[in-house]
Amino acid sequence: SKEAAATRQSISTITDNARFLFDFMARDLRMGGRGYDSDVWKAAWPEDSKTAPLPIEMDDGVLVVRYLDQNNDPVEVRYQRDNNEVEYQGEVDGQFEPLIGGVDALDFNFACFNCDGDNTTDDYGYSNSPAEWGNVTAVEITVRFIDEDPWGGQDQAIDAKQISSTVALRNQVSRLITP
């Protein structure tokens, strides 16, 4: 009975953390690239950069998402895993803040339409890098949670739970389907 209750509590915590993380990240990812094809985008970023940055990039294990807000001001946010936490960095204070704990791994895959340029309609693939930004249409987020309080002294790595979610990049999708 105690073991069943502990298992239910663990699953509930992991589910709540996953839902919170995926919802939080989806908000930024769906906005990623808003205003990318405009002159405002090119002018919005610091003058010391030689070219306007890509809307989504991986920078040494950190996911960087950029977009223009409703006032056409540039927004840049970052997500990373540090120790057993997923952290978020926004523009307000520039510091990484923890979002959730109990995370053993955080990975991103980028769905890329027509990555090889042959214009076939069924040409979808995944990449670990958004290098071909023009064809990226979705981001798959995979999180592996560890049970921070395993029942009966079980090894945390053995009791890890992996959950994935895929977020469509609506600005990219609408850009690709609009002639």
C-alpha atoms as a PDB file:
ATOM      1  CA  SER A   1       0.000   0.000   0.000  1.00  0.00           C
ATOM      2  CA  LYS A   2       2.803   2.416   0.909  1.00  0.00           C
ATOM      3  CA  GLU A   3       4.732   1.477  -2.210  1.00  0.00           C
ATOM      4  CA  ALA A   4       1.661   2.038  -4.416  1.00  0.00           C
ATOM      5  CA  ALA A   5       1.015   5.439  -2.818  1.00  0.00           C
ATOM      6  CA  ALA A   6       4.672   6.454  -3.276  1.00  0.00           C
ATOM      7  CA  THR A   7       4.568   5.354  -6.924  1.00  0.00           C
ATOM      8  CA  ARG A   8       1.361   7.305  -7.574  1.00  0.00           C
ATOM      9  CA  GLN A   9       2.879  10.412  -5.961  1.00  0.00           C
ATOM     10  CA  SER A  10       6.058  10.058  -8.026  1.00  0.00           C
ATOM     11  CA  ILE A  11       4.107   9.668 -11.270  1.00  0.00           C
ATOM     12  CA  SER A  12       1.916  12.628 -10.367  1.00  0.00           C
ATOM     13  CA  THR A  13       4.934  14.849  -9.680  1.00  0.00           C
ATOM     14  CA  ILE A  14       6.638  13.842 -12.922  1.00  0.00           C
ATOM     15  CA  THR A  15       3.442  14.386 -14.915  1.00  0.00           C
ATOM     16  CA  ASP A  16       2.873  17.826 -13.372  1.00  0.00           C
ATOM     17  CA  ASN A  17       6.487  18.859 -13.986  1.00  0.00           C
ATOM     18  CA  ALA A  18       6.360  17.649 -17.600  1.00  0.00           C
ATOM     19  CA  ARG A  19       3.077  19.453 -18.286  1.00  0.00           C
ATOM     20  CA  PHE A  20       4.394  22.682 -16.764  1.00  0.00           C
ATOM     21  CA  LEU A  21       7.692  22.523 -18.669  1.00  0.00           C
ATOM     22  CA  PHE A  22       6.122  21.686 -22.035  1.00  0.00           C
ATOM     23  CA  ASP A  23       3.470  24.417 -21.684  1.00  0.00           C
ATOM     24  CA  PHE A  24       6.061  26.990 -20.606  1.00  0.00           C
ATOM     25  CA  MET A  25       8.449  26.169 -23.466  1.00  0.00           C
ATOM     26  CA  ALA A  26       5.663  25.880 -26.051  1.00  0.00           C
ATOM     27  CA  ARG A  27       4.692  29.505 -25.480  1.00  0.00           C
ATOM     28  CA  ASP A  28       8.140  30.709 -26.571  1.00  0.00           C
ATOM     29  CA  LEU A  29       8.649  28.091 -29.283  1.00  0.00           C
ATOM     30  CA  ARG A  30       5.341  28.923 -30.969  1.00  0.00           C
ATOM     31  CA  MET A  31       6.422  32.567 -31.107  1.00  0.00           C
ATOM     32  CA  GLY A  32       9.905  31.661 -32.387  1.00  0.00           C
ATOM     33  CA  GLY A  33      10.636  33.494 -35.599  1.00  0.00           C
ATOM     34  CA  ARG A  34       7.749  35.971 -35.356  1.00  0.00           C
ATOM     35  CA  GLY A  35       8.808  38.825 -37.630  1.00  0.00           C
ATOM     36  CA  TYR A  36      11.832  36.922 -38.991  1.00  0.00           C
ATOM     37  CA  ASP A  37      11.334  37.818 -42.664  1.00  0.00           C
ATOM     38  CA  SER A  38      10.938  41.546 -41.989  1.00  0.00           C
ATOM     39  CA  ASP A  39      13.244  44.538 -42.004  1.00  0.00           C
ATOM     40  CA  VAL A  40      12.192  45.109 -38.384  1.00  0.00           C
ATOM     41  CA  TRP A  41      13.881  41.797 -37.451  1.00  0.00           C
ATOM     42  CA  LYS A  42      17.117  42.841 -39.106  1.00  0.00           C
ATOM     43  CA  ALA A  43      17.072  46.176 -37.283  1.00  0.00           C
ATOM     44  CA  ALA A  44      15.936  44.803 -33.901  1.00  0.00           C
ATOM     45  CA  TRP A  45      19.119  43.005 -32.889  1.00  0.00           C
ATOM     46  CA  PRO A  46      22.305  44.673 -31.598  1.00  0.00           C
ATOM     47  CA  GLU A  47      24.383  46.469 -34.171  1.00  0.00           C
ATOM     48  CA  ASP A  48      27.545  44.636 -33.129  1.00  0.00           C
ATOM     49  CA  SER A  49      26.234  41.446 -34.745  1.00  0.00           C
ATOM     50  CA  LYS A  50      27.111  41.247 -38.423  1.00  0.00           C
ATOM     51  CA  THR A  51      23.937  39.400 -39.360  1.00  0.00           C
ATOM     52  CA  ALA A  52      20.543  39.078 -37.763  1.00  0.00           C
ATOM     53  CA  PRO A  53      20.423  35.941 -35.595  1.00  0.00           C
ATOM     54  CA  LEU A  54      18.330  32.902 -36.401  1.00  0.00           C
ATOM     55  CA  PRO A  55      15.035  32.525 -34.515  1.00  0.00           C
ATOM     56  CA  ILE A  56      16.014  29.210 -32.906  1.00  0.00           C
ATOM     57  CA  GLU A  57      19.545  28.023 -32.258  1.00  0.00           C
ATOM     58  CA  MET A  58      21.427  25.551 -30.127  1.00  0.00           C
ATOM     59  CA  ASP A  59      24.364  27.170 -28.342  1.00  0.00           C
ATOM     60  CA  ASP A  60      26.511  24.643 -26.449  1.00  0.00           C
ATOM     61  CA  GLY A  61      23.506  22.680 -25.149  1.00  0.00           C
ATOM     62  CA  VAL A  62      21.365  25.784 -24.586  1.00  0.00           C
ATOM     63  CA  LEU A  63      18.197  26.258 -26.659  1.00  0.00           C
ATOM     64  CA  VAL A  64      17.906  29.912 -27.741  1.00  0.00           C
ATOM     65  CA  VAL A  65      14.534  31.200 -29.010  1.00  0.00           C
ATOM     66  CA  ARG A  66      14.091  34.654 -30.556  1.00  0.00           C
ATOM     67  CA  TYR A  67      11.035  36.557 -31.764  1.00  0.00           C
ATOM     68  CA  LEU A  68       9.553  40.026 -31.999  1.00  0.00           C
ATOM     69  CA  ASP A  69       6.829  40.808 -29.477  1.00  0.00           C
ATOM     70  CA  GLN A  70       3.603  42.723 -30.220  1.00  0.00           C
ATOM     71  CA  ASN A  71       5.574  46.023 -30.078  1.00  0.00           C
ATOM     72  CA  ASN A  72       8.223  44.641 -32.460  1.00  0.00           C
ATOM     73  CA  ASP A  73      10.761  44.593 -29.633  1.00  0.00           C
ATOM     74  CA  PRO A  74      13.233  41.704 -29.753  1.00  0.00           C
ATOM     75  CA  VAL A  75      12.767  38.878 -27.251  1.00  0.00           C
ATOM     76  CA  GLU A  76      15.434  36.266 -26.587  1.00  0.00           C
ATOM     77  CA  VAL A  77      14.961  33.421 -24.114  1.00  0.00           C
ATOM     78  CA  ARG A  78      17.165  30.452 -23.247  1.00  0.00           C
ATOM     79  CA  TYR A  79      16.546  26.985 -21.831  1.00  0.00           C
ATOM     80  CA  GLN A  80      19.192  24.679 -20.412  1.00  0.00           C
ATOM     81  CA  ARG A  81      19.663  21.749 -18.073  1.00  0.00           C
ATOM     82  CA  ASP A  82      22.031  22.338 -15.190  1.00  0.00           C
ATOM     83  CA  ASN A  83      22.581  19.508 -12.738  1.00  0.00           C
ATOM     84  CA  ASN A  84      19.078  18.099 -12.176  1.00  0.00           C
ATOM     85  CA  GLU A  85      17.126  21.242 -13.113  1.00  0.00           C
ATOM     86  CA  VAL A  86      15.787  22.788 -16.284  1.00  0.00           C
ATOM     87  CA  GLU A  87      16.525  26.504 -16.198  1.00  0.00           C
ATOM     88  CA  TYR A  88      15.071  29.484 -18.046  1.00  0.00           C
ATOM     89  CA  GLN A  89      16.693  32.813 -18.857  1.00  0.00           C
ATOM     90  CA  GLY A  90      14.567  35.720 -20.004  1.00  0.00           C
ATOM     91  CA  GLU A  91      15.369  39.333 -20.773  1.00  0.00           C
ATOM     92  CA  VAL A  92      14.193  40.752 -17.445  1.00  0.00           C
ATOM     93  CA  ASP A  93      17.198  40.037 -15.261  1.00  0.00           C
ATOM     94  CA  GLY A  94      19.511  37.991 -17.464  1.00  0.00           C
ATOM     95  CA  GLN A  95      19.932  35.225 -14.851  1.00  0.00           C
ATOM     96  CA  PHE A  96      19.005  31.598 -15.349  1.00  0.00           C
ATOM     97  CA  GLU A  97      16.133  30.642 -13.037  1.00  0.00           C
ATOM     98  CA  PRO A  98      15.101  27.051 -12.264  1.00  0.00           C
ATOM     99  CA  LEU A  99      11.812  25.868 -13.769  1.00  0.00           C
ATOM    100  CA  ILE A 100      11.648  22.254 -12.608  1.00  0.00           C
ATOM    101  CA  GLY A 101      13.867  19.752 -10.834  1.00  0.00           C
ATOM    102  CA  GLY A 102      14.405  16.021 -11.006  1.00  0.00           C
ATOM    103  CA  VAL A 103      15.643  16.098 -14.621  1.00  0.00           C
ATOM    104  CA  ASP A 104      18.323  13.700 -15.793  1.00  0.00           C
ATOM    105  CA  ALA A 105      18.366  14.741 -19.480  1.00  0.00           C
ATOM    106  CA  LEU A 106      16.907  17.456 -21.744  1.00  0.00           C
ATOM    107  CA  ASP A 107      17.143  16.960 -25.510  1.00  0.00           C
ATOM    108  CA  PHE A 108      15.790  18.731 -28.570  1.00  0.00           C
ATOM    109  CA  ASN A 109      15.169  17.434 -32.076  1.00  0.00           C
ATOM    110  CA  PHE A 110      14.105  19.661 -34.945  1.00  0.00           C
ATOM    111  CA  ALA A 111      11.575  18.483 -37.516  1.00  0.00           C
ATOM    112  CA  CYS A 112      12.775  19.596 -40.892  1.00  0.00           C
ATOM    113  CA  PHE A 113      10.592  19.550 -44.007  1.00  0.00           C
ATOM    114  CA  ASN A 114      12.341  18.945 -47.309  1.00  0.00           C
ATOM    115  CA  CYS A 115      15.788  19.054 -45.753  1.00  0.00           C
ATOM    116  CA  ASP A 116      17.491  17.645 -48.832  1.00  0.00           C
ATOM    117  CA  GLY A 117      15.786  20.064 -51.224  1.00  0.00           C
ATOM    118  CA  ASP A 118      14.128  17.506 -53.512  1.00  0.00           C
ATOM    119  CA  ASN A 119      10.597  18.945 -52.939  1.00  0.00           C
ATOM    120  CA  THR A 120       8.912  15.665 -52.090  1.00  0.00           C
ATOM    121  CA  THR A 121       5.834  16.002 -49.921  1.00  0.00           C
ATOM    122  CA  ASP A 122       6.784  13.162 -47.575  1.00  0.00           C
ATOM    123  CA  ASP A 123      10.312  14.351 -46.856  1.00  0.00           C
ATOM    124  CA  TYR A 124      10.346  14.844 -43.091  1.00  0.00           C
ATOM    125  CA  GLY A 125      13.326  14.198 -40.903  1.00  0.00           C
ATOM    126  CA  TYR A 126      14.694  15.102 -37.506  1.00  0.00           C
ATOM    127  CA  SER A 127      17.954  16.777 -36.726  1.00  0.00           C
ATOM    128  CA  ASN A 128      19.775  17.631 -33.500  1.00  0.00           C
ATOM    129  CA  SER A 129      20.454  21.106 -34.876  1.00  0.00           C
ATOM    130  CA  PRO A 130      18.202  23.741 -36.441  1.00  0.00           C
ATOM    131  CA  ALA A 131      20.926  24.433 -39.035  1.00  0.00           C
ATOM    132  CA  GLU A 132      18.464  24.507 -41.939  1.00  0.00           C
ATOM    133  CA  TRP A 133      16.208  27.060 -40.252  1.00  0.00           C
ATOM    134  CA  GLY A 134      14.179  27.753 -43.386  1.00  0.00           C
ATOM    135  CA  ASN A 135      12.743  24.220 -43.282  1.00  0.00           C
ATOM    136  CA  VAL A 136      12.327  23.648 -39.528  1.00  0.00           C
ATOM    137  CA  THR A 137       8.633  23.314 -38.654  1.00  0.00           C
ATOM    138  CA  ALA A 138       8.574  21.743 -35.186  1.00  0.00           C
ATOM    139  CA  VAL A 139      10.693  21.067 -32.128  1.00  0.00           C
ATOM    140  CA  GLU A 140      10.521  17.798 -30.225  1.00  0.00           C
ATOM    141  CA  ILE A 141      11.396  18.220 -26.535  1.00  0.00           C
ATOM    142  CA  THR A 142      12.439  15.101 -24.638  1.00  0.00           C
ATOM    143  CA  VAL A 143      12.903  15.153 -20.882  1.00  0.00           C
ATOM    144  CA  ARG A 144      14.096  12.274 -18.757  1.00  0.00           C
ATOM    145  CA  PHE A 145      12.972  12.600 -15.165  1.00  0.00           C
ATOM    146  CA  ILE A 146      14.515  10.830 -12.228  1.00  0.00           C
ATOM    147  CA  ASP A 147      12.615   9.833  -9.158  1.00  0.00           C
ATOM    148  CA  GLU A 148      14.148  12.095  -6.519  1.00  0.00           C
ATOM    149  CA  ASP A 149      12.638   9.987  -3.747  1.00  0.00           C
ATOM    150  CA  PRO A 150      12.690   6.395  -5.048  1.00  0.00           C
ATOM    151  CA  TRP A 151      10.817   3.793  -3.040  1.00  0.00           C
ATOM    152  CA  GLY A 152      12.877   1.286  -1.114  1.00  0.00           C
ATOM    153  CA  GLY A 153      16.290   2.739  -1.993  1.00  0.00           C
ATOM    154  CA  GLN A 154      16.019   1.997  -5.737  1.00  0.00           C
ATOM    155  CA  ASP A 155      18.642   3.534  -7.989  1.00  0.00           C
ATOM    156  CA  GLN A 156      17.335   6.809  -9.457  1.00  0.00           C
ATOM    157  CA  ALA A 157      18.752   6.037 -12.916  1.00  0.00           C
ATOM    158  CA  ILE A 158      16.854   2.749 -13.045  1.00  0.00           C
ATOM    159  CA  ASP A 159      13.625   4.545 -12.138  1.00  0.00           C
ATOM    160  CA  ALA A 160      13.970   7.272 -14.805  1.00  0.00           C
ATOM    161  CA  LYS A 161      10.896   8.298 -16.840  1.00  0.00           C
ATOM    162  CA  GLN A 162      11.230   9.794 -20.322  1.00  0.00           C
ATOM    163  CA  ILE A 163       8.507  12.022 -21.783  1.00  0.00           C
ATOM    164  CA  SER A 164       8.427  13.846 -25.134  1.00  0.00           C
ATOM    165  CA  SER A 165       6.308  16.595 -26.626  1.00  0.00           C
ATOM    166  CA  THR A 166       6.392  18.146 -30.083  1.00  0.00           C
ATOM    167  CA  VAL A 167       5.636  21.828 -30.634  1.00  0.00           C
ATOM    168  CA  ALA A 168       4.746  23.150 -34.085  1.00  0.00           C
ATOM    169  CA  LEU A 169       6.436  26.441 -34.915  1.00  0.00           C
ATOM    170  CA  ARG A 170       3.354  28.281 -36.137  1.00  0.00           C
ATOM    171  CA  ASN A 171       5.259  31.206 -37.638  1.00  0.00           C
ATOM    172  CA  GLN A 172       7.400  28.805 -39.652  1.00  0.00           C
ATOM    173  CA  VAL A 173       4.492  26.626 -40.724  1.00  0.00           C
ATOM    174  CA  SER A 174       2.439  29.616 -41.874  1.00  0.00           C
ATOM    175  CA  ARG A 175       5.456  31.003 -43.744  1.00  0.00           C
ATOM    176  CA  LEU A 176       6.003  27.692 -45.536  1.00  0.00           C
ATOM    177  CA  ILE A 177       2.357  27.160 -46.543  1.00  0.00           C
ATOM    178  CA  THR A 178       1.649  30.766 -47.549  1.00  0.00           C
ATOM    179  CA  PRO A 179       2.642  31.384 -51.176  1.00  0.00           C
END
